[in-house]
PDB file of N, CA and C in Angstrom:
ATOM      1  N   MET A   1       8.502   1.528  27.119  1.00  0.00           N
ATOM      2  CA  MET A   1       9.939   1.470  27.295  1.00  0.00           C
ATOM      3  C   MET A   1      10.608   2.338  26.240  1.00  0.00           C
ATOM      4  N   GLN A   2      11.507   3.123  26.671  1.00  0.00           N
ATOM      5  CA  GLN A   2      12.219   4.012  25.777  1.00  0.00           C
ATOM      6  C   GLN A   2      13.214   3.217  24.921  1.00  0.00           C
ATOM      7  N   GLY A   3      13.296   3.594  23.626  1.00  0.00           N
ATOM      8  CA  GLY A   3      14.230   2.937  22.734  1.00  0.00           C
ATOM      9  C   GLY A   3      13.669   1.705  22.054  1.00  0.00           C
ATOM     10  N   GLU A   4      12.531   1.206  22.511  1.00  0.00           N
ATOM     11  CA  GLU A   4      11.919   0.039  21.902  1.00  0.00           C
ATOM     12  C   GLU A   4      11.053   0.481  20.725  1.00  0.00           C
ATOM     13  N   ASN A   5      11.104  -0.243  19.632  1.00  0.00           N
ATOM     14  CA  ASN A   5      10.338   0.114  18.447  1.00  0.00           C
ATOM     15  C   ASN A   5       9.302  -0.965  18.167  1.00  0.00           C
ATOM     16  N   ASP A   6       8.066  -0.698  18.520  1.00  0.00           N
ATOM     17  CA  ASP A   6       6.981  -1.634  18.284  1.00  0.00           C
ATOM     18  C   ASP A   6       6.055  -1.140  17.176  1.00  0.00           C
ATOM     19  N   ASP A   7       6.601  -0.384  16.227  1.00  0.00           N
ATOM     20  CA  ASP A   7       5.785   0.113  15.120  1.00  0.00           C
ATOM     21  C   ASP A   7       5.357  -1.060  14.242  1.00  0.00           C
ATOM     22  N   TRP A   8       4.092  -1.107  13.923  1.00  0.00           N
ATOM     23  CA  TRP A   8       3.567  -2.115  13.020  1.00  0.00           C
ATOM     24  C   TRP A   8       2.233  -1.631  12.506  1.00  0.00           C
ATOM     25  N   ILE A   9       1.755  -2.252  11.462  1.00  0.00           N
ATOM     26  CA  ILE A   9       0.445  -1.928  10.920  1.00  0.00           C
ATOM     27  C   ILE A   9      -0.316  -3.237  10.720  1.00  0.00           C
ATOM     28  N   ASP A  10      -1.557  -3.239  11.106  1.00  0.00           N
ATOM     29  CA  ASP A  10      -2.393  -4.429  10.993  1.00  0.00           C
ATOM     30  C   ASP A  10      -2.886  -4.548   9.553  1.00  0.00           C
ATOM     31  N   PRO A  11      -2.468  -5.574   8.819  1.00  0.00           N
ATOM     32  CA  PRO A  11      -2.889  -5.724   7.428  1.00  0.00           C
ATOM     33  C   PRO A  11      -4.407  -5.846   7.263  1.00  0.00           C
ATOM     34  N   GLU A  12      -5.098  -6.332   8.280  1.00  0.00           N
ATOM     35  CA  GLU A  12      -6.554  -6.457   8.190  1.00  0.00           C
ATOM     36  C   GLU A  12      -7.220  -5.088   8.109  1.00  0.00           C
ATOM     37  N   VAL A  13      -6.675  -4.106   8.800  1.00  0.00           N
ATOM     38  CA  VAL A  13      -7.211  -2.747   8.733  1.00  0.00           C
ATOM     39  C   VAL A  13      -7.075  -2.212   7.309  1.00  0.00           C
ATOM     40  N   LEU A  14      -5.905  -2.409   6.718  1.00  0.00           N
ATOM     41  CA  LEU A  14      -5.699  -1.958   5.341  1.00  0.00           C
ATOM     42  C   LEU A  14      -6.623  -2.680   4.369  1.00  0.00           C
ATOM     43  N   GLU A  15      -6.807  -3.969   4.566  1.00  0.00           N
ATOM     44  CA  GLU A  15      -7.671  -4.754   3.689  1.00  0.00           C
ATOM     45  C   GLU A  15      -9.122  -4.274   3.767  1.00  0.00           C
ATOM     46  N   ARG A  16      -9.598  -4.000   4.957  1.00  0.00           N
ATOM     47  CA  ARG A  16     -10.974  -3.510   5.111  1.00  0.00           C
ATOM     48  C   ARG A  16     -11.143  -2.131   4.475  1.00  0.00           C
ATOM     49  N   PHE A  17     -10.182  -1.247   4.691  1.00  0.00           N
ATOM     50  CA  PHE A  17     -10.216   0.073   4.068  1.00  0.00           C
ATOM     51  C   PHE A  17     -10.210  -0.066   2.552  1.00  0.00           C
ATOM     52  N   ASN A  18      -9.371  -0.934   2.046  1.00  0.00           N
ATOM     53  CA  ASN A  18      -9.265  -1.164   0.616  1.00  0.00           C
ATOM     54  C   ASN A  18     -10.593  -1.647   0.039  1.00  0.00           C
ATOM     55  N   ASP A  19     -11.227  -2.581   0.704  1.00  0.00           N
ATOM     56  CA  ASP A  19     -12.512  -3.108   0.236  1.00  0.00           C
ATOM     57  C   ASP A  19     -13.574  -2.019   0.194  1.00  0.00           C
ATOM     58  N   LEU A  20     -13.658  -1.217   1.238  1.00  0.00           N
ATOM     59  CA  LEU A  20     -14.672  -0.160   1.303  1.00  0.00           C
ATOM     60  C   LEU A  20     -14.417   0.944   0.280  1.00  0.00           C
ATOM     61  N   ALA A  21     -13.220   1.453   0.246  1.00  0.00           N
ATOM     62  CA  ALA A  21     -12.901   2.581  -0.623  1.00  0.00           C
ATOM     63  C   ALA A  21     -12.813   2.174  -2.083  1.00  0.00           C
ATOM     64  N   GLY A  22     -12.291   1.005  -2.361  1.00  0.00           N
ATOM     65  CA  GLY A  22     -12.133   0.555  -3.742  1.00  0.00           C
ATOM     66  C   GLY A  22     -13.449   0.407  -4.473  1.00  0.00           C
ATOM     67  N   ASN A  23     -14.482   0.026  -3.758  1.00  0.00           N
ATOM     68  CA  ASN A  23     -15.796  -0.124  -4.382  1.00  0.00           C
ATOM     69  C   ASN A  23     -16.340   1.206  -4.879  1.00  0.00           C
ATOM     70  N   VAL A  24     -15.932   2.295  -4.276  1.00  0.00           N
ATOM     71  CA  VAL A  24     -16.448   3.618  -4.604  1.00  0.00           C
ATOM     72  C   VAL A  24     -15.540   4.373  -5.569  1.00  0.00           C
ATOM     73  N   THR A  25     -14.239   4.254  -5.390  1.00  0.00           N
ATOM     74  CA  THR A  25     -13.298   5.104  -6.121  1.00  0.00           C
ATOM     75  C   THR A  25     -12.584   4.432  -7.283  1.00  0.00           C
ATOM     76  N   GLY A  26     -12.545   3.119  -7.313  1.00  0.00           N
ATOM     77  CA  GLY A  26     -11.759   2.423  -8.322  1.00  0.00           C
ATOM     78  C   GLY A  26     -10.278   2.399  -8.007  1.00  0.00           C
ATOM     79  N   LYS A  27      -9.902   2.929  -6.849  1.00  0.00           N
ATOM     80  CA  LYS A  27      -8.506   2.927  -6.428  1.00  0.00           C
ATOM     81  C   LYS A  27      -8.311   1.864  -5.361  1.00  0.00           C
ATOM     82  N   SER A  28      -7.062   1.493  -5.144  1.00  0.00           N
ATOM     83  CA  SER A  28      -6.764   0.538  -4.081  1.00  0.00           C
ATOM     84  C   SER A  28      -5.413   0.867  -3.472  1.00  0.00           C
ATOM     85  N   LEU A  29      -5.180   0.288  -2.314  1.00  0.00           N
ATOM     86  CA  LEU A  29      -3.895   0.461  -1.657  1.00  0.00           C
ATOM     87  C   LEU A  29      -2.855  -0.369  -2.391  1.00  0.00           C
ATOM     88  N   VAL A  30      -1.705   0.227  -2.621  1.00  0.00           N
ATOM     89  CA  VAL A  30      -0.571  -0.475  -3.212  1.00  0.00           C
ATOM     90  C   VAL A  30       0.623  -0.234  -2.302  1.00  0.00           C
ATOM     91  N   MET A  31       1.539  -1.176  -2.302  1.00  0.00           N
ATOM     92  CA  MET A  31       2.686  -1.065  -1.417  1.00  0.00           C
ATOM     93  C   MET A  31       3.968  -1.297  -2.181  1.00  0.00           C
ATOM     94  N   ALA A  32       4.999  -0.576  -1.764  1.00  0.00           N
ATOM     95  CA  ALA A  32       6.352  -0.776  -2.283  1.00  0.00           C
ATOM     96  C   ALA A  32       7.211  -1.243  -1.116  1.00  0.00           C
ATOM     97  N   PRO A  33       7.582  -2.524  -1.103  1.00  0.00           N
ATOM     98  CA  PRO A  33       8.379  -3.049   0.000  1.00  0.00           C
ATOM     99  C   PRO A  33       9.771  -2.434   0.038  1.00  0.00           C
ATOM    100  N   LEU A  34      10.220  -2.107   1.241  1.00  0.00           N
ATOM    101  CA  LEU A  34      11.548  -1.525   1.457  1.00  0.00           C
ATOM    102  C   LEU A  34      12.283  -2.300   2.543  1.00  0.00           C
ATOM    103  N   GLY A  35      12.208  -3.600   2.497  1.00  0.00           N
ATOM    104  CA  GLY A  35      12.787  -4.406   3.576  1.00  0.00           C
ATOM    105  C   GLY A  35      11.808  -4.457   4.729  1.00  0.00           C
ATOM    106  N   GLN A  36      12.207  -3.921   5.878  1.00  0.00           N
ATOM    107  CA  GLN A  36      11.319  -3.917   7.037  1.00  0.00           C
ATOM    108  C   GLN A  36      10.274  -2.807   6.944  1.00  0.00           C
ATOM    109  N   ASP A  37      10.503  -1.824   6.109  1.00  0.00           N
ATOM    110  CA  ASP A  37       9.586  -0.709   5.908  1.00  0.00           C
ATOM    111  C   ASP A  37       8.851  -0.875   4.582  1.00  0.00           C
ATOM    112  N   CYS A  38       7.876  -0.014   4.352  1.00  0.00           N
ATOM    113  CA  CYS A  38       7.211  -0.008   3.052  1.00  0.00           C
ATOM    114  C   CYS A  38       6.570   1.354   2.817  1.00  0.00           C
ATOM    115  N   LEU A  39       6.371   1.652   1.561  1.00  0.00           N
ATOM    116  CA  LEU A  39       5.606   2.833   1.168  1.00  0.00           C
ATOM    117  C   LEU A  39       4.208   2.369   0.815  1.00  0.00           C
ATOM    118  N   ILE A  40       3.215   3.149   1.212  1.00  0.00           N
ATOM    119  CA  ILE A  40       1.824   2.810   0.916  1.00  0.00           C
ATOM    120  C   ILE A  40       1.222   3.971   0.145  1.00  0.00           C
ATOM    121  N   ALA A  41       0.524   3.653  -0.947  1.00  0.00           N
ATOM    122  CA  ALA A  41      -0.144   4.674  -1.749  1.00  0.00           C
ATOM    123  C   ALA A  41      -1.556   4.196  -2.068  1.00  0.00           C
ATOM    124  N   TYR A  42      -2.378   5.119  -2.501  1.00  0.00           N
ATOM    125  CA  TYR A  42      -3.774   4.842  -2.834  1.00  0.00           C
ATOM    126  C   TYR A  42      -3.954   5.265  -4.289  1.00  0.00           C
ATOM    127  N   LEU A  43      -3.893   4.302  -5.211  1.00  0.00           N
ATOM    128  CA  LEU A  43      -3.833   4.596  -6.632  1.00  0.00           C
ATOM    129  C   LEU A  43      -4.744   3.685  -7.440  1.00  0.00           C
ATOM    130  N   ASN A  44      -5.120   4.155  -8.636  1.00  0.00           N
ATOM    131  CA  ASN A  44      -5.758   3.233  -9.575  1.00  0.00           C
ATOM    132  C   ASN A  44      -4.651   2.536 -10.362  1.00  0.00           C
ATOM    133  N   GLU A  45      -4.990   1.564 -11.179  1.00  0.00           N
ATOM    134  CA  GLU A  45      -3.982   0.761 -11.869  1.00  0.00           C
ATOM    135  C   GLU A  45      -3.128   1.599 -12.822  1.00  0.00           C
ATOM    136  N   GLN A  46      -3.731   2.520 -13.513  1.00  0.00           N
ATOM    137  CA  GLN A  46      -2.982   3.378 -14.433  1.00  0.00           C
ATOM    138  C   GLN A  46      -1.968   4.236 -13.675  1.00  0.00           C
ATOM    139  N   GLN A  47      -2.374   4.801 -12.556  1.00  0.00           N
ATOM    140  CA  GLN A  47      -1.465   5.605 -11.734  1.00  0.00           C
ATOM    141  C   GLN A  47      -0.309   4.756 -11.199  1.00  0.00           C
ATOM    142  N   ARG A  48      -0.629   3.533 -10.791  1.00  0.00           N
ATOM    143  CA  ARG A  48       0.413   2.637 -10.270  1.00  0.00           C
ATOM    144  C   ARG A  48       1.452   2.344 -11.343  1.00  0.00           C
ATOM    145  N   ARG A  49       0.992   2.018 -12.547  1.00  0.00           N
ATOM    146  CA  ARG A  49       1.937   1.740 -13.643  1.00  0.00           C
ATOM    147  C   ARG A  49       2.786   2.965 -13.969  1.00  0.00           C
ATOM    148  N   GLU A  50       2.167   4.138 -13.988  1.00  0.00           N
ATOM    149  CA  GLU A  50       2.875   5.362 -14.319  1.00  0.00           C
ATOM    150  C   GLU A  50       3.955   5.694 -13.282  1.00  0.00           C
ATOM    151  N   ILE A  51       3.605   5.646 -12.014  1.00  0.00           N
ATOM    152  CA  ILE A  51       4.598   5.977 -10.983  1.00  0.00           C
ATOM    153  C   ILE A  51       5.723   4.950 -10.948  1.00  0.00           C
ATOM    154  N   ASN A  52       5.410   3.692 -11.241  1.00  0.00           N
ATOM    155  CA  ASN A  52       6.439   2.651 -11.232  1.00  0.00           C
ATOM    156  C   ASN A  52       7.500   2.881 -12.307  1.00  0.00           C
ATOM    157  N   ARG A  53       7.187   3.666 -13.314  1.00  0.00           N
ATOM    158  CA  ARG A  53       8.171   3.988 -14.346  1.00  0.00           C
ATOM    159  C   ARG A  53       9.298   4.855 -13.784  1.00  0.00           C
ATOM    160  N   PHE A  54       9.043   5.541 -12.672  1.00  0.00           N
ATOM    161  CA  PHE A  54       9.972   6.541 -12.160  1.00  0.00           C
ATOM    162  C   PHE A  54      10.590   6.220 -10.799  1.00  0.00           C
ATOM    163  N   VAL A  55      10.204   5.117 -10.196  1.00  0.00           N
ATOM    164  CA  VAL A  55      10.696   4.824  -8.852  1.00  0.00           C
ATOM    165  C   VAL A  55      11.509   3.533  -8.818  1.00  0.00           C
ATOM    166  N   LYS A  56      12.434   3.464  -7.879  1.00  0.00           N
ATOM    167  CA  LYS A  56      13.278   2.279  -7.719  1.00  0.00           C
ATOM    168  C   LYS A  56      12.493   1.113  -7.110  1.00  0.00           C
ATOM    169  N   HIS A  57      11.754   1.400  -6.033  1.00  0.00           N
ATOM    170  CA  HIS A  57      10.971   0.369  -5.339  1.00  0.00           C
ATOM    171  C   HIS A  57       9.553   0.385  -5.907  1.00  0.00           C
ATOM    172  N   LYS A  58       9.199  -0.639  -6.657  1.00  0.00           N
ATOM    173  CA  LYS A  58       7.925  -0.700  -7.386  1.00  0.00           C
ATOM    174  C   LYS A  58       6.744  -0.952  -6.459  1.00  0.00           C
ATOM    175  N   PHE A  59       5.652  -0.243  -6.756  1.00  0.00           N
ATOM    176  CA  PHE A  59       4.394  -0.459  -6.037  1.00  0.00           C
ATOM    177  C   PHE A  59       3.732  -1.711  -6.579  1.00  0.00           C
ATOM    178  N   GLU A  60       3.242  -2.550  -5.681  1.00  0.00           N
ATOM    179  CA  GLU A  60       2.594  -3.811  -6.026  1.00  0.00           C
ATOM    180  C   GLU A  60       1.153  -3.779  -5.548  1.00  0.00           C
ATOM    181  N   SER A  61       0.248  -4.288  -6.394  1.00  0.00           N
ATOM    182  CA  SER A  61      -1.145  -4.430  -5.969  1.00  0.00           C
ATOM    183  C   SER A  61      -1.196  -5.499  -4.889  1.00  0.00           C
ATOM    184  N   GLN A  62      -2.079  -5.327  -3.937  1.00  0.00           N
ATOM    185  CA  GLN A  62      -2.207  -6.264  -2.838  1.00  0.00           C
ATOM    186  C   GLN A  62      -3.252  -7.327  -3.154  1.00  0.00           C
ATOM    187  N   ALA A  63      -3.038  -8.534  -2.693  1.00  0.00           N
ATOM    188  CA  ALA A  63      -4.004  -9.616  -2.892  1.00  0.00           C
ATOM    189  C   ALA A  63      -5.346  -9.231  -2.312  1.00  0.00           C
ATOM    190  N   GLY A  64      -6.396  -9.566  -3.044  1.00  0.00           N
ATOM    191  CA  GLY A  64      -7.738  -9.268  -2.580  1.00  0.00           C
ATOM    192  C   GLY A  64      -8.217  -7.895  -2.958  1.00  0.00           C
ATOM    193  N   SER A  65      -7.397  -7.108  -3.653  1.00  0.00           N
ATOM    194  CA  SER A  65      -7.823  -5.770  -4.033  1.00  0.00           C
ATOM    195  C   SER A  65      -8.219  -5.717  -5.480  1.00  0.00           C
TER     196      SER A  65
END
């Protein structure tokens, strides 16, 4: 249907990706909530802290990561 917005992301997909990639890279998915939207990044803890110094919407580590 035109005009309908069914955009969504399955959190389980992100969690599985995070588990697989984090074991190898030391990085994890972090999210900055923007109301109904969010920003997603793939950072280590030091990178997350550094970028949060410069942005309005702070990136948060996700549970289980």
